C-alpha atoms as a PDB file:
ATOM      1  CA  MET A   1       0.000   0.000   0.000  1.00  0.00           C
ATOM      2  CA  ALA A   2       1.170   3.480  -0.728  1.00  0.00           C
ATOM      3  CA  SER A   3       0.327   6.733   0.928  1.00  0.00           C
ATOM      4  CA  GLY A   4       2.045   8.905  -1.671  1.00  0.00           C
ATOM      5  CA  ARG A   5       0.569  11.835  -3.495  1.00  0.00           C
ATOM      6  CA  HIS A   6      -2.812  10.116  -3.997  1.00  0.00           C
ATOM      7  CA  GLY A   7      -3.570   9.672  -0.307  1.00  0.00           C
ATOM      8  CA  VAL A   8      -3.762   6.981   2.350  1.00  0.00           C
ATOM      9  CA  GLY A   9      -4.754   3.490   1.269  1.00  0.00           C
ATOM     10  CA  VAL A  10      -3.996   3.940  -2.431  1.00  0.00           C
ATOM     11  CA  ILE A  11      -2.407   1.072  -4.353  1.00  0.00           C
ATOM     12  CA  GLU A  12      -0.618   2.224  -7.496  1.00  0.00           C
ATOM     13  CA  ILE A  13      -0.004  -0.250 -10.313  1.00  0.00           C
ATOM     14  CA  GLY A  14       2.391   0.503 -13.168  1.00  0.00           C
ATOM     15  CA  VAL A  15       2.263   4.237 -12.719  1.00  0.00           C
ATOM     16  CA  GLY A  16       4.103   6.139 -15.449  1.00  0.00           C
ATOM     17  CA  ALA A  17       5.506   9.616 -14.971  1.00  0.00           C
ATOM     18  CA  SER A  18       3.719  11.043 -18.015  1.00  0.00           C
ATOM     19  CA  GLY A  19       1.698   8.071 -19.244  1.00  0.00           C
ATOM     20  CA  PRO A  20      -1.452   6.260 -18.181  1.00  0.00           C
ATOM     21  CA  GLN A  21      -1.837   5.520 -14.507  1.00  0.00           C
ATOM     22  CA  VAL A  22      -3.738   2.706 -12.846  1.00  0.00           C
ATOM     23  CA  ALA A  23      -4.545   2.919  -9.159  1.00  0.00           C
ATOM     24  CA  MET A  24      -6.873   1.319  -6.635  1.00  0.00           C
ATOM     25  CA  PHE A  25      -8.526   3.717  -4.196  1.00  0.00           C
ATOM     26  CA  PRO A  26     -10.729   3.016  -1.203  1.00  0.00           C
ATOM     27  CA  ALA A  27     -14.223   2.625  -2.630  1.00  0.00           C
ATOM     28  CA  GLY A  28     -16.727   5.433  -2.266  1.00  0.00           C
ATOM     29  CA  PRO A  29     -20.513   5.075  -2.058  1.00  0.00           C
ATOM     30  CA  GLY A  30     -22.014   3.003  -4.858  1.00  0.00           C
ATOM     31  CA  VAL A  31     -18.653   1.845  -6.241  1.00  0.00           C
ATOM     32  CA  ARG A  32     -19.000  -1.716  -4.986  1.00  0.00           C
ATOM     33  CA  ARG A  33     -22.462  -2.038  -6.584  1.00  0.00           C
ATOM     34  CA  ARG A  34     -21.149  -0.629  -9.884  1.00  0.00           C
ATOM     35  CA  ASN A  35     -18.162  -2.987  -9.822  1.00  0.00           C
ATOM     36  CA  LEU A  36     -20.439  -5.954  -9.064  1.00  0.00           C
ATOM     37  CA  LEU A  37     -22.766  -5.045 -11.950  1.00  0.00           C
ATOM     38  CA  VAL A  38     -19.897  -4.686 -14.435  1.00  0.00           C
ATOM     39  CA  LEU A  39     -18.318  -7.874 -13.104  1.00  0.00           C
ATOM     40  CA  ALA A  40     -21.633  -9.723 -13.475  1.00  0.00           C
ATOM     41  CA  GLY A  41     -22.045  -8.481 -17.046  1.00  0.00           C
ATOM     42  CA  LEU A  42     -18.523  -9.430 -18.094  1.00  0.00           C
ATOM     43  CA  GLY A  43     -18.796 -12.745 -16.259  1.00  0.00           C
ATOM     44  CA  ALA A  44     -22.057 -13.515 -18.053  1.00  0.00           C
ATOM     45  CA  TRP A  45     -20.441 -12.645 -21.397  1.00  0.00           C
ATOM     46  CA  LEU A  46     -17.462 -14.910 -20.708  1.00  0.00           C
ATOM     47  CA  ALA A  47     -19.770 -17.736 -19.589  1.00  0.00           C
ATOM     48  CA  TYR A  48     -21.934 -17.278 -22.702  1.00  0.00           C
ATOM     49  CA  THR A  49     -18.918 -17.446 -25.011  1.00  0.00           C
ATOM     50  CA  ARG A  50     -17.465 -20.394 -23.058  1.00  0.00           C
ATOM     51  CA  PHE A  51     -20.630 -22.439 -23.639  1.00  0.00           C
ATOM     52  CA  PHE A  52     -21.524 -20.906 -27.019  1.00  0.00           C
ATOM     53  CA  TRP A  53     -21.127 -24.117 -29.025  1.00  0.00           C
ATOM     54  CA  ASP A  54     -23.331 -26.079 -26.611  1.00  0.00           C
ATOM     55  CA  LEU A  55     -25.929 -23.319 -26.638  1.00  0.00           C
ATOM     56  CA  GLN A  56     -25.810 -23.166 -30.429  1.00  0.00           C
ATOM     57  CA  ALA A  57     -26.541 -26.912 -30.628  1.00  0.00           C
ATOM     58  CA  LEU A  58     -29.618 -26.253 -28.479  1.00  0.00           C
ATOM     59  CA  HIS A  59     -30.625 -23.234 -30.616  1.00  0.00           C
ATOM     60  CA  ALA A  60     -30.325 -21.095 -27.472  1.00  0.00           C
ATOM     61  CA  THR A  61     -27.925 -18.387 -28.639  1.00  0.00           C
ATOM     62  CA  LEU A  62     -28.577 -14.674 -28.984  1.00  0.00           C
ATOM     63  CA  PRO A  63     -30.140 -13.529 -32.276  1.00  0.00           C
ATOM     64  CA  ARG A  64     -27.890 -12.785 -35.245  1.00  0.00           C
ATOM     65  CA  CYS A  65     -26.404  -9.325 -35.701  1.00  0.00           C
ATOM     66  CA  PRO A  66     -29.149  -6.854 -36.729  1.00  0.00           C
ATOM     67  CA  PHE A  67     -26.702  -4.948 -38.957  1.00  0.00           C
ATOM     68  CA  LEU A  68     -25.823  -8.161 -40.812  1.00  0.00           C
ATOM     69  CA  LEU A  69     -29.496  -9.100 -41.183  1.00  0.00           C
ATOM     70  CA  LEU A  70     -30.418  -5.648 -42.540  1.00  0.00           C
ATOM     71  CA  THR A  71     -27.445  -5.007 -44.822  1.00  0.00           C
ATOM     72  CA  GLY A  72     -26.043  -8.421 -45.619  1.00  0.00           C
ATOM     73  CA  HIS A  73     -22.628  -7.172 -44.472  1.00  0.00           C
ATOM     74  CA  PRO A  74     -20.911  -7.823 -41.139  1.00  0.00           C
ATOM     75  CA  CYS A  75     -20.757  -5.007 -38.582  1.00  0.00           C
ATOM     76  CA  PRO A  76     -17.438  -3.983 -36.984  1.00  0.00           C
ATOM     77  CA  LEU A  77     -18.063  -6.451 -34.128  1.00  0.00           C
ATOM     78  CA  CYS A  78     -19.328  -9.420 -36.171  1.00  0.00           C
ATOM     79  CA  GLY A  79     -17.444 -12.578 -35.328  1.00  0.00           C
ATOM     80  CA  GLY A  80     -16.588 -11.456 -31.798  1.00  0.00           C
ATOM     81  CA  THR A  81     -18.721 -14.050 -30.039  1.00  0.00           C
ATOM     82  CA  ARG A  82     -17.402 -16.941 -32.108  1.00  0.00           C
ATOM     83  CA  SER A  83     -13.862 -15.545 -31.784  1.00  0.00           C
ATOM     84  CA  PHE A  84     -14.135 -15.743 -27.985  1.00  0.00           C
ATOM     85  CA  ALA A  85     -15.724 -19.206 -28.265  1.00  0.00           C
ATOM     86  CA  TYR A  86     -12.803 -20.470 -30.353  1.00  0.00           C
ATOM     87  CA  LEU A  87     -10.338 -18.994 -27.854  1.00  0.00           C
ATOM     88  CA  TRP A  88     -12.011 -21.032 -25.107  1.00  0.00           C
ATOM     89  CA  ARG A  89     -11.234 -24.078 -27.258  1.00  0.00           C
ATOM     90  CA  GLY A  90      -7.634 -22.915 -27.736  1.00  0.00           C
ATOM     91  CA  ASP A  91      -8.047 -22.299 -31.483  1.00  0.00           C
ATOM     92  CA  LEU A  92      -6.232 -18.995 -31.978  1.00  0.00           C
ATOM     93  CA  GLY A  93      -6.170 -19.310 -35.786  1.00  0.00           C
ATOM     94  CA  ARG A  94      -9.943 -19.552 -36.169  1.00  0.00           C
ATOM     95  CA  SER A  95     -10.416 -16.853 -33.554  1.00  0.00           C
ATOM     96  CA  LEU A  96      -8.204 -14.431 -35.494  1.00  0.00           C
ATOM     97  CA  ALA A  97      -9.847 -15.355 -38.799  1.00  0.00           C
ATOM     98  CA  LEU A  98     -13.325 -14.574 -37.461  1.00  0.00           C
ATOM     99  CA  TYR A  99     -12.419 -11.381 -35.618  1.00  0.00           C
ATOM    100  CA  PRO A 100      -8.835 -10.074 -35.645  1.00  0.00           C
ATOM    101  CA  LEU A 101      -9.345  -8.090 -32.437  1.00  0.00           C
ATOM    102  CA  GLY A 102     -10.900 -11.061 -30.630  1.00  0.00           C
ATOM    103  CA  PRO A 103      -7.795 -12.365 -28.842  1.00  0.00           C
ATOM    104  CA  PHE A 104      -6.843  -8.883 -27.627  1.00  0.00           C
ATOM    105  CA  LEU A 105     -10.380  -8.205 -26.401  1.00  0.00           C
ATOM    106  CA  PHE A 106     -10.530 -11.628 -24.764  1.00  0.00           C
ATOM    107  CA  VAL A 107      -7.345 -10.980 -22.783  1.00  0.00           C
ATOM    108  CA  ALA A 108      -8.559  -7.471 -21.895  1.00  0.00           C
ATOM    109  CA  THR A 109     -11.900  -8.873 -20.710  1.00  0.00           C
ATOM    110  CA  VAL A 110     -10.286 -11.545 -18.541  1.00  0.00           C
ATOM    111  CA  ALA A 111      -7.848  -8.976 -17.084  1.00  0.00           C
ATOM    112  CA  THR A 112     -10.750  -6.632 -16.327  1.00  0.00           C
ATOM    113  CA  VAL A 113     -12.678  -9.434 -14.616  1.00  0.00           C
ATOM    114  CA  LEU A 114      -9.643 -10.252 -12.461  1.00  0.00           C
ATOM    115  CA  ALA A 115      -9.070  -6.579 -11.570  1.00  0.00           C
ATOM    116  CA  LEU A 116     -12.745  -6.030 -10.743  1.00  0.00           C
ATOM    117  CA  THR A 117     -12.817  -9.191  -8.638  1.00  0.00           C
ATOM    118  CA  LEU A 118      -9.857  -7.874  -6.651  1.00  0.00           C
ATOM    119  CA  ALA A 119     -11.548  -4.476  -6.335  1.00  0.00           C
ATOM    120  CA  VAL A 120     -14.795  -6.034  -5.064  1.00  0.00           C
ATOM    121  CA  LEU A 121     -13.033  -8.352  -2.607  1.00  0.00           C
ATOM    122  CA  THR A 122     -10.949  -5.498  -1.164  1.00  0.00           C
ATOM    123  CA  ASN A 123     -13.705  -2.849  -1.393  1.00  0.00           C
ATOM    124  CA  ARG A 124     -11.625  -0.672  -3.691  1.00  0.00           C
ATOM    125  CA  ASP A 125     -12.226   1.435  -6.767  1.00  0.00           C
ATOM    126  CA  LEU A 126     -10.034   0.756  -9.786  1.00  0.00           C
ATOM    127  CA  ARG A 127      -9.228   3.940 -11.679  1.00  0.00           C
ATOM    128  CA  VAL A 128      -7.351   4.374 -14.924  1.00  0.00           C
ATOM    129  CA  ARG A 129      -6.154   7.870 -15.668  1.00  0.00           C
ATOM    130  CA  VAL A 130      -5.011   8.789 -19.151  1.00  0.00           C
ATOM    131  CA  PRO A 131      -3.315  12.162 -19.722  1.00  0.00           C
ATOM    132  CA  GLU A 132      -5.497  14.503 -21.787  1.00  0.00           C
ATOM    133  CA  ARG A 133      -2.886  14.724 -24.545  1.00  0.00           C
ATOM    134  CA  TRP A 134      -3.133  10.934 -25.038  1.00  0.00           C
ATOM    135  CA  VAL A 135      -6.913  10.746 -25.424  1.00  0.00           C
ATOM    136  CA  ARG A 136      -7.272  11.981 -29.003  1.00  0.00           C
ATOM    137  CA  PRO A 137      -4.336   9.965 -30.423  1.00  0.00           C
ATOM    138  CA  ALA A 138      -5.560   6.865 -28.572  1.00  0.00           C
ATOM    139  CA  LEU A 139      -9.063   7.288 -30.001  1.00  0.00           C
ATOM    140  CA  LEU A 140      -7.639   7.789 -33.510  1.00  0.00           C
ATOM    141  CA  VAL A 141      -5.489   4.660 -33.225  1.00  0.00           C
ATOM    142  CA  ALA A 142      -8.423   2.645 -31.840  1.00  0.00           C
ATOM    143  CA  GLY A 143     -10.644   3.903 -34.677  1.00  0.00           C
ATOM    144  CA  ALA A 144      -8.012   3.036 -37.283  1.00  0.00           C
ATOM    145  CA  VAL A 145      -7.507  -0.444 -35.844  1.00  0.00           C
ATOM    146  CA  MET A 146     -11.275  -0.994 -35.820  1.00  0.00           C
ATOM    147  CA  ALA A 147     -11.540   0.263 -39.419  1.00  0.00           C
ATOM    148  CA  VAL A 148      -8.779  -2.095 -40.594  1.00  0.00           C
ATOM    149  CA  SER A 149     -10.402  -5.005 -38.760  1.00  0.00           C
ATOM    150  CA  TRP A 150     -13.788  -4.206 -40.285  1.00  0.00           C
ATOM    151  CA  GLY A 151     -12.223  -3.759 -43.724  1.00  0.00           C
ATOM    152  CA  LEU A 152     -10.708  -7.228 -43.421  1.00  0.00           C
ATOM    153  CA  LYS A 153     -14.117  -8.611 -42.388  1.00  0.00           C
ATOM    154  CA  LEU A 154     -15.756  -7.001 -45.415  1.00  0.00           C
ATOM    155  CA  THR A 155     -13.158  -8.229 -47.906  1.00  0.00           C
ATOM    156  CA  VAL A 156     -11.106 -11.294 -47.020  1.00  0.00           C
ATOM    157  CA  LEU A 157     -12.092 -12.820 -43.681  1.00  0.00           C
ATOM    158  CA  PRO A 158     -14.919 -15.340 -43.251  1.00  0.00           C
ATOM    159  CA  ASN A 159     -18.199 -14.215 -41.782  1.00  0.00           C
END
């Protein structure tokens, strides 16, 4: 535990001098409920993707993508569910082919679940601070990566 510039009871993780900062603070009112709700949602998503193939055999999956049904073309997120499902099976190749961002998002989701579980168990609030000068470039890079991924879905990757 650190009691540095952030205050008593703050745990700092990988704090950069001028880059993004991640810290765990004592939880304020409502934080535990919020963390539990987000944790429940992400946990449900991971469970759904873990058992996707079994659910599909029972015809008990979520409906197909509305964008795909209306336009005949995949949306920027099409393939994400099956990408996660293939990762649960250990098939990285199929996961990447269905949704190039799938493995990254899978790891990010699992890491978020672990961090939120720690936050709930210790009654803490996990905060990520990104310097203002990083926000716009980060959004541009994220948009470009999403555009490339979607372009690949529209042209060469299976749907």
